Amino acid sequence: AVGDLHVGETSQRAYRDLFDRVHDDADVLCLCGDLVNFGKTVEVENLL
C-alpha cells in the first residue's frame, strides 16, 4: 500500500521503479489517493 505520490505535469518516470519492483514483495497493490497533484489529464497520463 502507498498513497500521496502527487505526480505532476512535469513528472517523468518518477515512480517507474516502485511499480516495477512491487511484484517482488506483494500480490496486490493498494493506491490510497492523491496519486496526482491537481487531477489534470496530463498528470494522470504521466502516472500511467
All heavy atoms as atom14 arrays in JSON, in Angstrom:
{
  "sequence": "AVGDLHVGETSQRAYRDLFDRVHDDADVLCLCGDLVNFGKTVEVENLL",
  "atom14_mask": [
    [1, 1, 1, 1, 1, 0, 0, 0, 0, 0, 0, 0, 0, 0],
    [1, 1, 1, 1, 1, 1, 1, 0, 0, 0, 0, 0, 0, 0],
    [1, 1, 1, 1, 0, 0, 0, 0, 0, 0, 0, 0, 0, 0],
    [1, 1, 1, 1, 1, 1, 1, 1, 0, 0, 0, 0, 0, 0],
    [1, 1, 1, 1, 1, 1, 1, 1, 0, 0, 0, 0, 0, 0],
    [1, 1, 1, 1, 1, 1, 1, 1, 1, 1, 0, 0, 0, 0],
    [1, 1, 1, 1, 1, 1, 1, 0, 0, 0, 0, 0, 0, 0],
    [1, 1, 1, 1, 0, 0, 0, 0, 0, 0, 0, 0, 0, 0],
    [1, 1, 1, 1, 1, 1, 1, 1, 1, 0, 0, 0, 0, 0],
    [1, 1, 1, 1, 1, 1, 1, 0, 0, 0, 0, 0, 0, 0],
    [1, 1, 1, 1, 1, 1, 0, 0, 0, 0, 0, 0, 0, 0],
    [1, 1, 1, 1, 1, 1, 1, 1, 1, 0, 0, 0, 0, 0],
    [1, 1, 1, 1, 1, 1, 1, 1, 1, 1, 1, 0, 0, 0],
    [1, 1, 1, 1, 1, 0, 0, 0, 0, 0, 0, 0, 0, 0],
    [1, 1, 1, 1, 1, 1, 1, 1, 1, 1, 1, 1, 0, 0],
    [1, 1, 1, 1, 1, 1, 1, 1, 1, 1, 1, 0, 0, 0],
    [1, 1, 1, 1, 1, 1, 1, 1, 0, 0, 0, 0, 0, 0],
    [1, 1, 1, 1, 1, 1, 1, 1, 0, 0, 0, 0, 0, 0],
    [1, 1, 1, 1, 1, 1, 1, 1, 1, 1, 1, 0, 0, 0],
    [1, 1, 1, 1, 1, 1, 1, 1, 0, 0, 0, 0, 0, 0],
    [1, 1, 1, 1, 1, 1, 1, 1, 1, 1, 1, 0, 0, 0],
    [1, 1, 1, 1, 1, 1, 1, 0, 0, 0, 0, 0, 0, 0],
    [1, 1, 1, 1, 1, 1, 1, 1, 1, 1, 0, 0, 0, 0],
    [1, 1, 1, 1, 1, 1, 1, 1, 0, 0, 0, 0, 0, 0],
    [1, 1, 1, 1, 1, 1, 1, 1, 0, 0, 0, 0, 0, 0],
    [1, 1, 1, 1, 1, 0, 0, 0, 0, 0, 0, 0, 0, 0],
    [1, 1, 1, 1, 1, 1, 1, 1, 0, 0, 0, 0, 0, 0],
    [1, 1, 1, 1, 1, 1, 1, 0, 0, 0, 0, 0, 0, 0],
    [1, 1, 1, 1, 1, 1, 1, 1, 0, 0, 0, 0, 0, 0],
    [1, 1, 1, 1, 1, 1, 0, 0, 0, 0, 0, 0, 0, 0],
    [1, 1, 1, 1, 1, 1, 1, 1, 0, 0, 0, 0, 0, 0],
    [1, 1, 1, 1, 1, 1, 0, 0, 0, 0, 0, 0, 0, 0],
    [1, 1, 1, 1, 0, 0, 0, 0, 0, 0, 0, 0, 0, 0],
    [1, 1, 1, 1, 1, 1, 1, 1, 0, 0, 0, 0, 0, 0],
    [1, 1, 1, 1, 1, 1, 1, 1, 0, 0, 0, 0, 0, 0],
    [1, 1, 1, 1, 1, 1, 1, 0, 0, 0, 0, 0, 0, 0],
    [1, 1, 1, 1, 1, 1, 1, 1, 0, 0, 0, 0, 0, 0],
    [1, 1, 1, 1, 1, 1, 1, 1, 1, 1, 1, 0, 0, 0],
    [1, 1, 1, 1, 0, 0, 0, 0, 0, 0, 0, 0, 0, 0],
    [1, 1, 1, 1, 1, 1, 1, 1, 1, 0, 0, 0, 0, 0],
    [1, 1, 1, 1, 1, 1, 1, 0, 0, 0, 0, 0, 0, 0],
    [1, 1, 1, 1, 1, 1, 1, 0, 0, 0, 0, 0, 0, 0],
    [1, 1, 1, 1, 1, 1, 1, 1, 1, 0, 0, 0, 0, 0],
    [1, 1, 1, 1, 1, 1, 1, 0, 0, 0, 0, 0, 0, 0],
    [1, 1, 1, 1, 1, 1, 1, 1, 1, 0, 0, 0, 0, 0],
    [1, 1, 1, 1, 1, 1, 1, 1, 0, 0, 0, 0, 0, 0],
    [1, 1, 1, 1, 1, 1, 1, 1, 0, 0, 0, 0, 0, 0],
    [1, 1, 1, 1, 1, 1, 1, 1, 0, 0, 0, 0, 0, 0]
  ],
  "atom14_positions": [
    [[0.83, -1.2, 0.0], [0.0, 0.0, 0.0], [0.86, 1.25, 0.0], [1.9, 1.31, 0.67], [-0.93, 0.0, 1.21], [0.0, 0.0, 0.0], [0.0, 0.0, 0.0], [0.0, 0.0, 0.0], [0.0, 0.0, 0.0], [0.0, 0.0, 0.0], [0.0, 0.0, 0.0], [0.0, 0.0, 0.0], [0.0, 0.0, 0.0], [0.0, 0.0, 0.0]],
    [[0.41, 2.27, -0.75], [1.07, 3.57, -0.77], [0.05, 4.6, -1.23], [-0.88, 4.29, -1.97], [2.31, 3.57, -1.71], [1.9, 3.33, -3.16], [3.1, 4.87, -1.58], [0.0, 0.0, 0.0], [0.0, 0.0, 0.0], [0.0, 0.0, 0.0], [0.0, 0.0, 0.0], [0.0, 0.0, 0.0], [0.0, 0.0, 0.0], [0.0, 0.0, 0.0]],
    [[0.22, 5.82, -0.78], [-0.61, 6.93, -1.24], [0.23, 8.19, -1.39], [1.41, 8.22, -1.03], [0.0, 0.0, 0.0], [0.0, 0.0, 0.0], [0.0, 0.0, 0.0], [0.0, 0.0, 0.0], [0.0, 0.0, 0.0], [0.0, 0.0, 0.0], [0.0, 0.0, 0.0], [0.0, 0.0, 0.0], [0.0, 0.0, 0.0], [0.0, 0.0, 0.0]],
    [[-0.38, 9.24, -1.93], [0.23, 10.57, -1.98], [1.52, 10.59, -2.8], [2.56, 11.09, -2.35], [0.47, 11.09, -0.56], [-0.84, 11.21, 0.22], [-1.28, 10.2, 0.77], [-1.41, 12.3, 0.24], [0.0, 0.0, 0.0], [0.0, 0.0, 0.0], [0.0, 0.0, 0.0], [0.0, 0.0, 0.0], [0.0, 0.0, 0.0], [0.0, 0.0, 0.0]],
    [[1.44, 10.08, -4.01], [2.57, 10.16, -4.93], [2.68, 11.57, -5.54], [3.77, 12.03, -5.87], [2.42, 9.14, -6.05], [2.3, 7.67, -5.63], [2.17, 6.78, -6.86], [3.48, 7.24, -4.78], [0.0, 0.0, 0.0], [0.0, 0.0, 0.0], [0.0, 0.0, 0.0], [0.0, 0.0, 0.0], [0.0, 0.0, 0.0], [0.0, 0.0, 0.0]],
    [[1.54, 12.23, -5.72], [1.49, 13.62, -6.21], [2.28, 13.8, -7.51], [3.15, 14.68, -7.61], [1.98, 14.58, -5.13], [1.03, 14.69, -3.97], [-0.13, 15.43, -4.03], [1.06, 14.14, -2.73], [-0.77, 15.34, -2.87], [-0.06, 14.55, -2.06], [0.0, 0.0, 0.0], [0.0, 0.0, 0.0], [0.0, 0.0, 0.0], [0.0, 0.0, 0.0]],
    [[1.97, 12.99, -8.5], [2.59, 13.13, -9.81], [2.13, 14.43, -10.46], [0.94, 14.75, -10.47], [2.23, 11.92, -10.7], [2.69, 12.15, -12.14], [2.85, 10.65, -10.13], [0.0, 0.0, 0.0], [0.0, 0.0, 0.0], [0.0, 0.0, 0.0], [0.0, 0.0, 0.0], [0.0, 0.0, 0.0], [0.0, 0.0, 0.0], [0.0, 0.0, 0.0]],
    [[3.08, 15.21, -10.99], [2.76, 16.5, -11.59], [2.87, 16.49, -13.1], [3.16, 15.47, -13.73], [0.0, 0.0, 0.0], [0.0, 0.0, 0.0], [0.0, 0.0, 0.0], [0.0, 0.0, 0.0], [0.0, 0.0, 0.0], [0.0, 0.0, 0.0], [0.0, 0.0, 0.0], [0.0, 0.0, 0.0], [0.0, 0.0, 0.0], [0.0, 0.0, 0.0]],
    [[2.67, 17.67, -13.68], [2.7, 17.81, -15.14], [4.09, 17.52, -15.71], [4.2, 17.06, -16.86], [2.28, 19.22, -15.53], [0.82, 19.53, -15.29], [0.46, 20.91, -15.81], [0.42, 21.08, -17.05], [0.22, 21.81, -14.99], [0.0, 0.0, 0.0], [0.0, 0.0, 0.0], [0.0, 0.0, 0.0], [0.0, 0.0, 0.0], [0.0, 0.0, 0.0]],
    [[5.12, 17.8, -14.95], [6.48, 17.62, -15.46], [7.14, 16.34, -14.95], [8.32, 16.11, -15.23], [7.36, 18.83, -15.08], [7.41, 18.95, -13.65], [6.78, 20.11, -15.67], [0.0, 0.0, 0.0], [0.0, 0.0, 0.0], [0.0, 0.0, 0.0], [0.0, 0.0, 0.0], [0.0, 0.0, 0.0], [0.0, 0.0, 0.0], [0.0, 0.0, 0.0]],
    [[6.4, 15.54, -14.19], [6.98, 14.3, -13.66], [7.29, 13.33, -14.8], [6.45, 13.11, -15.68], [6.0, 13.64, -12.68], [5.79, 14.47, -11.56], [0.0, 0.0, 0.0], [0.0, 0.0, 0.0], [0.0, 0.0, 0.0], [0.0, 0.0, 0.0], [0.0, 0.0, 0.0], [0.0, 0.0, 0.0], [0.0, 0.0, 0.0], [0.0, 0.0, 0.0]],
    [[8.47, 12.77, -14.79], [8.88, 11.81, -15.81], [9.44, 10.57, -15.14], [10.51, 10.61, -14.54], [9.93, 12.44, -16.74], [9.42, 13.61, -17.55], [8.35, 13.21, -18.55], [8.39, 12.12, -19.13], [7.37, 14.08, -18.77], [0.0, 0.0, 0.0], [0.0, 0.0, 0.0], [0.0, 0.0, 0.0], [0.0, 0.0, 0.0], [0.0, 0.0, 0.0]],
    [[8.68, 9.49, -15.19], [9.1, 8.2, -14.65], [9.55, 8.28, -13.19], [10.48, 7.6, -12.76], [10.22, 7.6, -15.5], [9.79, 7.32, -16.93], [10.77, 6.45, -17.66], [10.28, 6.06, -18.96], [10.87, 5.16, -19.75], [11.99, 4.58, -19.35], [10.35, 4.85, -20.92], [0.0, 0.0, 0.0], [0.0, 0.0, 0.0], [0.0, 0.0, 0.0]],
    [[8.87, 9.12, -12.42], [9.26, 9.32, -11.02], [9.05, 8.06, -10.19], [9.75, 7.85, -9.19], [8.46, 10.48, -10.43], [0.0, 0.0, 0.0], [0.0, 0.0, 0.0], [0.0, 0.0, 0.0], [0.0, 0.0, 0.0], [0.0, 0.0, 0.0], [0.0, 0.0, 0.0], [0.0, 0.0, 0.0], [0.0, 0.0, 0.0], [0.0, 0.0, 0.0]],
    [[8.07, 7.23, -10.59], [7.74, 6.05, -9.79], [7.8, 4.77, -10.59], [7.2, 3.77, -10.21], [6.36, 6.23, -9.15], [6.32, 7.43, -8.22], [5.68, 8.6, -8.61], [6.98, 7.41, -7.0], [5.67, 9.72, -7.78], [6.98, 8.51, -6.17], [6.32, 9.66, -6.56], [6.32, 10.76, -5.73], [0.0, 0.0, 0.0], [0.0, 0.0, 0.0]],
    [[8.53, 4.78, -11.7], [8.67, 3.57, -12.51], [9.27, 2.43, -11.69], [8.83, 1.28, -11.76], [9.52, 3.85, -13.74], [9.81, 2.63, -14.62], [8.53, 2.05, -15.24], [7.89, 3.01, -16.08], [8.11, 3.17, -17.38], [8.99, 2.4, -17.99], [7.43, 4.07, -18.08], [0.0, 0.0, 0.0], [0.0, 0.0, 0.0], [0.0, 0.0, 0.0]],
    [[10.28, 2.74, -10.89], [10.94, 1.7, -10.08], [9.96, 1.11, -9.07], [9.95, -0.1, -8.85], [12.15, 2.29, -9.36], [12.88, 1.24, -8.53], [13.37, 0.26, -9.1], [12.93, 1.4, -7.29], [0.0, 0.0, 0.0], [0.0, 0.0, 0.0], [0.0, 0.0, 0.0], [0.0, 0.0, 0.0], [0.0, 0.0, 0.0], [0.0, 0.0, 0.0]],
    [[9.16, 1.95, -8.45], [8.17, 1.46, -7.47], [7.26, 0.42, -8.11], [7.09, -0.69, -7.58], [7.34, 2.63, -6.94], [6.33, 2.39, -5.82], [5.95, 3.72, -5.16], [5.06, 1.69, -6.3], [0.0, 0.0, 0.0], [0.0, 0.0, 0.0], [0.0, 0.0, 0.0], [0.0, 0.0, 0.0], [0.0, 0.0, 0.0], [0.0, 0.0, 0.0]],
    [[6.65, 0.77, -9.24], [5.69, -0.13, -9.87], [6.36, -1.36, -10.49], [5.74, -2.41, -10.61], [4.88, 0.62, -10.92], [3.97, 1.67, -10.34], [4.18, 3.01, -10.58], [2.91, 1.3, -9.52], [3.36, 3.97, -10.03], [2.08, 2.25, -8.97], [2.3, 3.6, -9.22], [0.0, 0.0, 0.0], [0.0, 0.0, 0.0], [0.0, 0.0, 0.0]],
    [[7.62, -1.21, -10.84], [8.33, -2.33, -11.46], [8.78, -3.36, -10.43], [8.92, -4.54, -10.74], [9.54, -1.8, -12.23], [10.24, -2.88, -13.03], [9.55, -3.68, -13.69], [11.48, -2.94, -12.99], [0.0, 0.0, 0.0], [0.0, 0.0, 0.0], [0.0, 0.0, 0.0], [0.0, 0.0, 0.0], [0.0, 0.0, 0.0], [0.0, 0.0, 0.0]],
    [[9.02, -2.93, -9.19], [9.59, -3.84, -8.2], [8.59, -4.39, -7.19], [8.9, -5.34, -6.48], [10.73, -3.14, -7.45], [10.27, -2.09, -6.44], [11.39, -1.19, -6.0], [11.65, -1.25, -4.57], [12.46, -0.42, -3.92], [13.08, 0.54, -4.59], [12.66, -0.55, -2.62], [0.0, 0.0, 0.0], [0.0, 0.0, 0.0], [0.0, 0.0, 0.0]],
    [[7.4, -3.79, -7.11], [6.47, -4.16, -6.04], [6.03, -5.62, -6.14], [5.72, -6.26, -5.15], [5.26, -3.2, -6.01], [4.39, -3.38, -7.25], [4.45, -3.4, -4.74], [0.0, 0.0, 0.0], [0.0, 0.0, 0.0], [0.0, 0.0, 0.0], [0.0, 0.0, 0.0], [0.0, 0.0, 0.0], [0.0, 0.0, 0.0], [0.0, 0.0, 0.0]],
    [[6.04, -6.18, -7.35], [5.61, -7.58, -7.51], [6.55, -8.55, -6.8], [6.17, -9.68, -6.51], [5.5, -7.95, -9.0], [6.83, -8.12, -9.67], [7.54, -7.05, -10.17], [7.57, -9.22, -9.92], [8.66, -7.49, -10.69], [8.71, -8.8, -10.56], [0.0, 0.0, 0.0], [0.0, 0.0, 0.0], [0.0, 0.0, 0.0], [0.0, 0.0, 0.0]],
    [[7.77, -8.13, -6.53], [8.7, -8.99, -5.8], [8.25, -9.21, -4.35], [8.6, -10.21, -3.73], [10.1, -8.37, -5.77], [10.78, -8.4, -7.12], [10.49, -9.31, -7.92], [11.6, -7.5, -7.38], [0.0, 0.0, 0.0], [0.0, 0.0, 0.0], [0.0, 0.0, 0.0], [0.0, 0.0, 0.0], [0.0, 0.0, 0.0], [0.0, 0.0, 0.0]],
    [[7.5, -8.26, -3.82], [7.16, -8.28, -2.4], [5.68, -8.48, -2.11], [5.31, -8.74, -0.96], [7.58, -6.95, -1.76], [9.07, -6.69, -1.91], [9.84, -7.63, -1.66], [9.45, -5.57, -2.28], [0.0, 0.0, 0.0], [0.0, 0.0, 0.0], [0.0, 0.0, 0.0], [0.0, 0.0, 0.0], [0.0, 0.0, 0.0], [0.0, 0.0, 0.0]],
    [[4.81, -8.31, -3.1], [3.37, -8.29, -2.83], [2.58, -8.96, -3.95], [3.07, -9.12, -5.07], [2.89, -6.86, -2.63], [0.0, 0.0, 0.0], [0.0, 0.0, 0.0], [0.0, 0.0, 0.0], [0.0, 0.0, 0.0], [0.0, 0.0, 0.0], [0.0, 0.0, 0.0], [0.0, 0.0, 0.0], [0.0, 0.0, 0.0], [0.0, 0.0, 0.0]],
    [[1.35, -9.32, -3.6], [0.42, -9.93, -4.56], [-0.61, -8.93, -5.07], [-1.22, -9.14, -6.11], [-0.32, -11.11, -3.9], [0.64, -12.12, -3.31], [1.5, -12.64, -4.06], [0.54, -12.4, -2.09], [0.0, 0.0, 0.0], [0.0, 0.0, 0.0], [0.0, 0.0, 0.0], [0.0, 0.0, 0.0], [0.0, 0.0, 0.0], [0.0, 0.0, 0.0]],
    [[-0.83, -7.84, -4.31], [-1.8, -6.8, -4.65], [-1.2, -5.46, -4.22], [-0.52, -5.38, -3.19], [-3.15, -7.02, -3.91], [-4.13, -5.89, -4.24], [-3.76, -8.36, -4.27], [0.0, 0.0, 0.0], [0.0, 0.0, 0.0], [0.0, 0.0, 0.0], [0.0, 0.0, 0.0], [0.0, 0.0, 0.0], [0.0, 0.0, 0.0], [0.0, 0.0, 0.0]],
    [[-1.48, -4.42, -4.99], [-1.03, -3.07, -4.64], [-2.24, -2.17, -4.41], [-3.11, -2.04, -5.28], [-0.17, -2.48, -5.76], [0.27, -1.02, -5.59], [1.11, -0.85, -4.32], [1.03, -0.53, -6.81], [0.0, 0.0, 0.0], [0.0, 0.0, 0.0], [0.0, 0.0, 0.0], [0.0, 0.0, 0.0], [0.0, 0.0, 0.0], [0.0, 0.0, 0.0]],
    [[-2.31, -1.53, -3.24], [-3.37, -0.59, -2.89], [-2.85, 0.84, -3.06], [-1.81, 1.19, -2.52], [-3.82, -0.79, -1.45], [-4.55, -2.39, -1.11], [0.0, 0.0, 0.0], [0.0, 0.0, 0.0], [0.0, 0.0, 0.0], [0.0, 0.0, 0.0], [0.0, 0.0, 0.0], [0.0, 0.0, 0.0], [0.0, 0.0, 0.0], [0.0, 0.0, 0.0]],
    [[-3.59, 1.64, -3.8], [-3.23, 3.03, -4.07], [-4.22, 3.94, -3.34], [-5.41, 3.97, -3.69], [-3.25, 3.29, -5.58], [-2.28, 2.43, -6.4], [-2.57, 2.57, -7.89], [-0.84, 2.8, -6.09], [0.0, 0.0, 0.0], [0.0, 0.0, 0.0], [0.0, 0.0, 0.0], [0.0, 0.0, 0.0], [0.0, 0.0, 0.0], [0.0, 0.0, 0.0]],
    [[-3.72, 4.69, -2.36], [-4.61, 5.37, -1.41], [-4.81, 6.86, -1.68], [-4.88, 7.68, -0.76], [-4.08, 5.16, 0.02], [-4.15, 3.44, 0.53], [0.0, 0.0, 0.0], [0.0, 0.0, 0.0], [0.0, 0.0, 0.0], [0.0, 0.0, 0.0], [0.0, 0.0, 0.0], [0.0, 0.0, 0.0], [0.0, 0.0, 0.0], [0.0, 0.0, 0.0]],
    [[-4.92, 7.23, -2.94], [-5.32, 8.58, -3.3], [-4.2, 9.6, -3.36], [-3.07, 9.35, -2.94], [0.0, 0.0, 0.0], [0.0, 0.0, 0.0], [0.0, 0.0, 0.0], [0.0, 0.0, 0.0], [0.0, 0.0, 0.0], [0.0, 0.0, 0.0], [0.0, 0.0, 0.0], [0.0, 0.0, 0.0], [0.0, 0.0, 0.0], [0.0, 0.0, 0.0]],
    [[-4.53, 10.79, -3.9], [-3.56, 11.84, -4.17], [-2.4, 11.3, -4.97], [-1.22, 11.57, -4.7], [-3.05, 12.49, -2.87], [-4.03, 13.54, -2.33], [-5.14, 13.66, -2.9], [-3.7, 14.21, -1.35], [0.0, 0.0, 0.0], [0.0, 0.0, 0.0], [0.0, 0.0, 0.0], [0.0, 0.0, 0.0], [0.0, 0.0, 0.0], [0.0, 0.0, 0.0]],
    [[-2.74, 10.54, -5.99], [-1.72, 9.98, -6.88], [-1.18, 11.06, -7.81], [-0.06, 10.95, -8.31], [-2.31, 8.82, -7.69], [-2.97, 7.72, -6.85], [-3.57, 6.65, -7.75], [-1.96, 7.1, -5.89], [0.0, 0.0, 0.0], [0.0, 0.0, 0.0], [0.0, 0.0, 0.0], [0.0, 0.0, 0.0], [0.0, 0.0, 0.0], [0.0, 0.0, 0.0]],
    [[-2.0, 12.1, -8.07], [-1.57, 13.23, -8.9], [-1.82, 14.53, -8.13], [-2.49, 14.53, -7.1], [-2.3, 13.25, -10.25], [-1.97, 12.0, -11.06], [-3.81, 13.37, -10.07], [0.0, 0.0, 0.0], [0.0, 0.0, 0.0], [0.0, 0.0, 0.0], [0.0, 0.0, 0.0], [0.0, 0.0, 0.0], [0.0, 0.0, 0.0], [0.0, 0.0, 0.0]],
    [[-1.31, 15.64, -8.67], [-1.36, 16.91, -7.94], [-2.69, 17.64, -8.01], [-3.19, 18.14, -6.99], [-0.25, 17.84, -8.43], [1.02, 17.72, -7.62], [1.0, 17.29, -6.46], [2.14, 18.08, -8.22], [0.0, 0.0, 0.0], [0.0, 0.0, 0.0], [0.0, 0.0, 0.0], [0.0, 0.0, 0.0], [0.0, 0.0, 0.0], [0.0, 0.0, 0.0]],
    [[-3.27, 17.74, -9.23], [-4.46, 18.56, -9.39], [-5.59, 17.85, -10.14], [-6.63, 18.44, -10.37], [-4.12, 19.85, -10.14], [-3.12, 20.71, -9.42], [-1.8, 20.77, -9.85], [-3.48, 21.45, -8.3], [-0.86, 21.55, -9.18], [-2.55, 22.24, -7.63], [-1.24, 22.29, -8.07], [0.0, 0.0, 0.0], [0.0, 0.0, 0.0], [0.0, 0.0, 0.0]],
    [[-5.39, 16.61, -10.51], [-6.41, 15.91, -11.28], [-6.42, 16.26, -12.75], [-7.4, 16.02, -13.45], [0.0, 0.0, 0.0], [0.0, 0.0, 0.0], [0.0, 0.0, 0.0], [0.0, 0.0, 0.0], [0.0, 0.0, 0.0], [0.0, 0.0, 0.0], [0.0, 0.0, 0.0], [0.0, 0.0, 0.0], [0.0, 0.0, 0.0], [0.0, 0.0, 0.0]],
    [[-5.31, 16.82, -13.25], [-5.21, 17.15, -14.67], [-4.95, 15.88, -15.49], [-4.24, 14.98, -15.03], [-4.09, 18.16, -14.91], [-4.32, 19.5, -14.25], [-3.14, 20.44, -14.53], [-3.35, 21.8, -13.88], [-2.21, 22.72, -14.15], [0.0, 0.0, 0.0], [0.0, 0.0, 0.0], [0.0, 0.0, 0.0], [0.0, 0.0, 0.0], [0.0, 0.0, 0.0]],
    [[-5.48, 15.87, -16.69], [-5.31, 14.7, -17.56], [-3.85, 14.39, -17.82], [-3.42, 13.23, -17.78], [-6.05, 14.91, -18.88], [-7.45, 15.1, -18.62], [-5.89, 13.7, -19.79], [0.0, 0.0, 0.0], [0.0, 0.0, 0.0], [0.0, 0.0, 0.0], [0.0, 0.0, 0.0], [0.0, 0.0, 0.0], [0.0, 0.0, 0.0], [0.0, 0.0, 0.0]],
    [[-3.03, 15.42, -18.05], [-1.62, 15.19, -18.34], [-0.91, 14.57, -17.14], [0.0, 13.74, -17.31], [-0.92, 16.51, -18.78], [-0.92, 17.54, -17.64], [0.5, 16.24, -19.25], [0.0, 0.0, 0.0], [0.0, 0.0, 0.0], [0.0, 0.0, 0.0], [0.0, 0.0, 0.0], [0.0, 0.0, 0.0], [0.0, 0.0, 0.0], [0.0, 0.0, 0.0]],
    [[-1.32, 14.92, -15.93], [-0.72, 14.31, -14.75], [-1.05, 12.83, -14.68], [-0.18, 12.0, -14.37], [-1.24, 15.01, -13.49], [-0.83, 16.46, -13.35], [-1.48, 17.13, -12.16], [-2.53, 16.65, -11.69], [-0.94, 18.14, -11.7], [0.0, 0.0, 0.0], [0.0, 0.0, 0.0], [0.0, 0.0, 0.0], [0.0, 0.0, 0.0], [0.0, 0.0, 0.0]],
    [[-2.3, 12.5, -14.96], [-2.71, 11.1, -14.94], [-1.96, 10.32, -16.01], [-1.52, 9.18, -15.78], [-4.23, 10.96, -15.12], [-4.64, 9.49, -15.04], [-4.97, 11.75, -14.05], [0.0, 0.0, 0.0], [0.0, 0.0, 0.0], [0.0, 0.0, 0.0], [0.0, 0.0, 0.0], [0.0, 0.0, 0.0], [0.0, 0.0, 0.0], [0.0, 0.0, 0.0]],
    [[-1.79, 10.91, -17.17], [-1.05, 10.25, -18.25], [0.4, 9.98, -17.83], [0.96, 8.92, -18.14], [-1.1, 11.1, -19.52], [-2.49, 11.13, -20.14], [-2.59, 12.13, -21.3], [-1.68, 13.0, -21.41], [-3.57, 12.06, -22.06], [0.0, 0.0, 0.0], [0.0, 0.0, 0.0], [0.0, 0.0, 0.0], [0.0, 0.0, 0.0], [0.0, 0.0, 0.0]],
    [[1.0, 10.93, -17.13], [2.37, 10.71, -16.63], [2.41, 9.56, -15.62], [3.33, 8.74, -15.62], [2.89, 11.99, -15.97], [3.23, 13.07, -16.98], [3.39, 12.8, -18.16], [3.33, 14.31, -16.51], [0.0, 0.0, 0.0], [0.0, 0.0, 0.0], [0.0, 0.0, 0.0], [0.0, 0.0, 0.0], [0.0, 0.0, 0.0], [0.0, 0.0, 0.0]],
    [[1.4, 9.53, -14.75], [1.31, 8.43, -13.78], [1.15, 7.1, -14.49], [1.8, 6.1, -14.13], [0.13, 8.68, -12.84], [-0.26, 7.52, -11.91], [0.84, 7.25, -10.89], [-1.58, 7.84, -11.2], [0.0, 0.0, 0.0], [0.0, 0.0, 0.0], [0.0, 0.0, 0.0], [0.0, 0.0, 0.0], [0.0, 0.0, 0.0], [0.0, 0.0, 0.0]],
    [[0.3, 7.06, -15.5], [0.04, 5.8, -16.21], [1.28, 5.26, -16.92], [1.43, 4.05, -17.08], [-1.11, 5.98, -17.2], [-2.47, 6.33, -16.6], [-3.54, 6.39, -17.68], [-2.86, 5.35, -15.51], [0.0, 0.0, 0.0], [0.0, 0.0, 0.0], [0.0, 0.0, 0.0], [0.0, 0.0, 0.0], [0.0, 0.0, 0.0], [0.0, 0.0, 0.0]]
  ]
}
